[in-house]
Protein backbone atom coordinates (compact mmCIF):
# COMPACT_ATOMS: atom_id res chain seq x y z
CA MET A 1 -16.87 5.08 -10.53
CA LEU A 2 -14.49 2.18 -12.52
CA GLY A 3 -16.07 0.68 -14.89
CA THR A 4 -13.83 -1.66 -16.40
CA LEU A 5 -10.99 -3.15 -15.35
CA ASN A 6 -8.03 -1.80 -13.81
CA PHE A 7 -5.10 -4.34 -15.52
CA GLY A 8 -2.33 -1.97 -13.98
CA ALA A 9 -4.20 -3.91 -10.58
CA VAL A 10 -4.25 -6.66 -11.89
CA ILE A 11 -0.68 -6.94 -13.00
CA GLY A 12 0.31 -5.69 -9.38
CA GLN A 13 -1.40 -7.85 -7.32
CA ALA A 14 -0.12 -10.69 -9.36
CA ASN A 15 3.90 -8.67 -8.86
CA ARG A 16 3.45 -8.62 -5.26
CA ARG A 17 2.61 -12.62 -4.78
CA ARG A 18 6.09 -13.21 -6.86
CA ILE A 19 7.66 -10.72 -4.97
CA LEU A 20 6.55 -12.34 -1.87
CA GLU A 21 6.74 -16.29 -2.63
CA TRP A 22 10.35 -15.05 -4.08
CA PHE A 23 11.65 -13.33 -0.27
CA LEU A 24 10.11 -16.27 1.36
CA ALA A 25 12.03 -18.86 -0.89
CA HIS A 26 15.45 -16.53 -0.12
CA PRO A 27 15.21 -15.31 3.19
CA GLY A 28 17.68 -12.11 3.31
CA GLY A 29 17.79 -11.41 -0.22
CA THR A 30 17.67 -8.22 -1.29
CA ASN A 31 15.32 -5.71 -3.26
CA ARG A 32 17.72 -5.62 -6.17
CA GLU A 33 18.04 -9.63 -6.58
CA CYS A 34 14.55 -9.97 -6.42
CA SER A 35 14.09 -7.47 -9.24
CA LYS A 36 16.99 -8.97 -11.05
CA ALA A 37 15.50 -12.57 -10.72
CA LEU A 38 11.38 -11.39 -11.34
CA GLY A 39 13.05 -8.79 -14.10
CA ILE A 40 10.84 -6.06 -12.28
CA SER A 41 11.80 -2.99 -11.38
CA GLU A 42 13.83 -2.38 -8.06
CA THR A 43 11.74 0.33 -7.59
CA ALA A 44 8.60 -1.48 -8.57
CA VAL A 45 10.01 -3.87 -5.88
CA GLY A 46 10.35 -1.78 -3.33
CA ARG A 47 7.15 -0.36 -3.59
CA HIS A 48 5.32 -3.72 -3.59
CA VAL A 49 7.32 -4.94 -0.64
CA LYS A 50 6.54 -1.70 1.46
CA LYS A 51 2.55 -3.05 0.88
CA ILE A 52 3.72 -6.61 2.09
CA ARG A 53 5.03 -5.94 4.87
CA LEU A 54 2.10 -3.72 5.84
CA LEU A 55 -0.35 -6.94 5.57
CA TRP A 56 2.42 -9.37 6.26
CA PRO A 57 4.07 -8.22 9.57
CA VAL A 58 7.50 -10.08 10.10
CA ASP A 59 10.20 -10.03 12.65
CA SER A 60 13.54 -8.01 12.12
CA ALA A 61 15.39 -11.31 12.30
CA PRO A 62 17.48 -12.58 8.67
CA GLY A 63 15.11 -13.01 6.09
CA GLY A 64 12.69 -11.36 8.43
CA THR A 65 9.78 -14.71 7.32
CA ARG A 66 8.13 -15.69 9.89
CA PRO A 67 4.91 -12.88 11.63
CA ASN A 68 5.97 -11.86 14.34
CA PRO A 69 3.24 -11.61 17.17
CA GLU A 70 4.43 -8.14 18.83
CA ARG A 71 4.03 -6.64 15.79
CA SER A 72 -0.17 -7.92 15.73
CA THR A 73 -2.34 -6.21 13.18
CA MET A 74 -5.19 -6.64 15.35
CA ASN A 75 -5.24 -3.18 15.89
CA GLU A 76 -5.10 -2.53 12.23
CA VAL A 77 -8.12 -2.70 9.92
CA SER A 78 -8.07 -2.40 5.61
CA SER A 79 -9.08 0.98 4.65
CA THR A 80 -11.59 -0.67 2.26
CA SER A 81 -12.57 -3.20 5.09
CA ASP A 82 -16.62 -3.09 6.43
CA GLN A 83 -15.12 -3.15 10.05
CA ARG A 84 -13.32 0.09 9.14
CA THR A 85 -15.11 1.68 12.42
CA VAL A 86 -13.57 0.17 14.95
CA ASN A 87 -9.95 2.28 14.97
CA ASN A 88 -11.60 5.51 14.10
CA VAL A 89 -11.91 7.86 16.84
CA MET A 90 -13.57 10.79 14.78
CA ARG A 91 -15.48 9.23 12.36
CA HIS A 92 -18.08 6.48 14.15
CA GLY A 93 -20.23 5.84 11.25
CA TYR A 94 -19.38 4.60 7.92
CA ARG A 95 -21.76 3.25 5.13
CA VAL A 96 -21.18 -0.27 3.63
CA LEU A 97 -19.34 0.63 0.75
CA SER A 98 -20.31 -0.99 -3.10
CA ASP A 99 -16.72 -2.76 -4.26
CA GLU A 100 -17.00 -0.69 -7.03
CA GLU A 101 -16.40 2.43 -4.65
CA LYS A 102 -13.42 0.28 -2.02
CA ALA A 103 -11.54 -0.24 -5.77
CA SER A 104 -12.11 3.68 -6.16
CA MET A 105 -10.59 4.09 -2.94
CA GLN A 106 -7.85 2.14 -3.21
CA GLN A 107 -7.39 3.31 -6.93
CA ILE A 108 -6.71 7.36 -5.93
CA LYS A 109 -4.94 6.07 -2.38
CA ASP A 110 -2.29 3.46 -4.72
CA ASN A 111 -2.20 6.22 -6.82
CA GLY A 112 -1.18 8.83 -4.37
CA LEU A 113 1.11 6.46 -3.03
CA VAL A 114 3.49 6.68 -6.67
CA LEU A 115 3.43 10.35 -6.79
CA HIS A 116 4.49 10.71 -3.22
CA GLU A 117 7.25 8.08 -3.44
CA ILE A 118 8.59 10.06 -6.49
CA PHE A 119 7.99 13.17 -4.58
CA THR A 120 10.26 11.75 -1.54
CA ALA A 121 13.06 10.79 -4.29
CA LEU A 122 13.46 14.27 -5.85
CA GLY A 123 14.99 14.98 -2.74
CA GLY A 124 14.12 17.65 0.51
CA SER A 125 12.82 21.05 0.22
CA ARG A 126 10.74 22.66 2.01
CA GLU A 127 8.18 23.62 -1.50
CA LEU A 128 8.53 19.64 -1.84
CA SER A 129 7.30 18.81 1.82
CA ILE A 130 3.96 21.43 0.62
CA ALA A 131 3.87 19.21 -2.10
CA LYS A 132 3.59 16.21 -0.07
CA THR A 133 0.59 17.87 2.36
CA LYS A 134 -1.04 18.79 -0.54
CA LEU A 135 -1.02 15.42 -2.44
CA GLU A 136 -2.50 13.98 1.28
CA GLU A 137 -4.99 16.66 2.03
CA ALA A 138 -6.80 15.95 -2.19
CA VAL A 139 -6.44 11.71 -1.68
CA MET A 140 -7.89 12.48 2.03
CA TRP A 141 -10.59 14.69 0.52
CA ALA A 142 -11.51 12.40 -2.50
CA VAL A 143 -11.61 9.45 -0.22
CA LYS A 144 -13.63 11.25 1.84
CA HIS A 145 -15.80 12.21 -1.15
CA ILE A 146 -16.40 8.64 -1.97
CA THR A 147 -16.71 7.34 1.30
CA ALA A 148 -19.51 10.10 2.46
């Protein structure tokens, strides 16, 4: 698994925090404005905003910075959480993963998402649709290897 510190992940977490703080200070701001203010690419800002929204559901009001009680995360469990069995219909038993295994699984999923976004940016075609499906399958099997 991973034996060294992943500096990309550390930088990513720091940037995500900076982006969150910027949007909290600038309700209604755009990804482009945030990108210019922080010196982070607009694509990276968009990617971090997606992850922030998954972790902290917000209402759709302008600014969207207040938690939305109608979008509760009580039924959602992080894939790296030891509580991940509560929302899985098919797989009822899991073993507890080591921190190294959790980090590896997260890295696989993050890198898969980056490649998926690159495919999406290329446009739409049957070939790209197949590539996305195969990528999702590859990520699934790699994660299954770690969690089995």
